């Protein structure tokens, strides 16, 4: 099929149909003992309309799954309202299904019994639920496996059971939370094609599909409309329609241009790109900048940054991020933390979707191991507030040790408990590599390297 002409920039989504689900200024935040609060999703407007596959795309920590839970009624917004056909979702009889990443099948039930389960929960009689379930199993290509148990099936077949179970209730909106990410590449590609075929042939008893993904190519392959989230807190960066006819060719220029555009949005600073078609969804974040005291450390290792910088040097010091990801066979959650970390430390710059190595990044990539540690230490102290505070606190203490809890308490005012631990884990990895400090995991204390050596010497003399 020949592709329809597409503009170089995506066009603003402007659905004319009445939305099935409409979110109005929904937020998600968690109160803290102090007057501060941890905001996960900032005030956001979003709609799901009939006849479209809508992809919600974003890096880890941007609130994709949290958004899905609010739109399905599994979680209530902290502020704002979700409407189902313009009726508050808490007062409406909604008809949605969710396909999960982890299959979420009942291992003690057969394939047929797993598909029948939601119908049984809705009080459908045995004969009708068997008939509907068998029909749906045939639709997804599992006819003949109705008596098998999940453990007897491959990953792709188990996910097909998940699709059948979700579709058998004939949901008005089908939600999918990264449904292909646990599968191997070929199986995932096959299931994507089958999903598109079911959708195009109107074999799926559903009016709209909402796909949560971190895979940019997957979003461009499947979606009629794409929403890209930023993070800290989650907010809409851009919302646009995909002006490409199906089936889509990954190697075509319009396809690669669109993938490249999304990479640009994800890697630019938190100000929306000037060419982004997001006027319908302005950045509505409401946050006190004083609360954003600490940068969110990207969860990347120094070795990963060194490898990326060396690769850039081989490419002349600059390359398109989309091509880099393709060369490395990386997805967005694999590459972006490494790119963000190198950018935070001043080793590279992001310019219009390209990663360009800086002078300090070039020196780091070309240096021996000990010199790399020195350069990393200088960059960390200059650019990362948390590492600078840990080092100064250790130097100020007479015994040159500080409990981890002291810094966790400060991070707790800005991040969730889980993210606090992840931030601390990254800080420890970076600090140890740079020899800024050591960390006593048994006592959960930071220690200056020289102080720990002295302490060990004293203990040895005492013995």
Foldseek 3Di string as FASTA:
>chain_A
DDKDDDDLAFAFDDDPAQFQKWWFQFWAWAQDPDRFIATAAGGWIDTFHFDWEEEEAEAPSQCLVVVVCCRVVVDPTPDTFMDGSNHTPVPDDAFEFEQEQVLPFDQVAFLLCRLLVVVVVVVDDPVVSSVLLLVLCVLLPNNPRRRHGPVVDDPLVSSSSSVSSRQSSLHQEYEYEANLPVDDPVSSVVVLVSVQVCSVVVVGSYGYYYYYDHFLLSCLQRTQKYWYWDPLHTFTLAIGGRSIDPRDDCPDPSNVSSSLQNLLQRPDPPARDPSGNHPVGHGRGDDDVVLPVFDQQQLDFPVLLLVVLLVCVVVVQKDAVVVVCVVVVHTCNVPVSSLVNCVLLPQWDADSRMTGGDPLVVCLNPDDLVVVLQSLLVSCCVRGPVLVVLLVVLVPDPLSKDAQVVVLVSCVSHDPNVSSVSSVVSSQNSCVSSQSWHADVVRRMTGRPVSVVVVVVVVVVVD
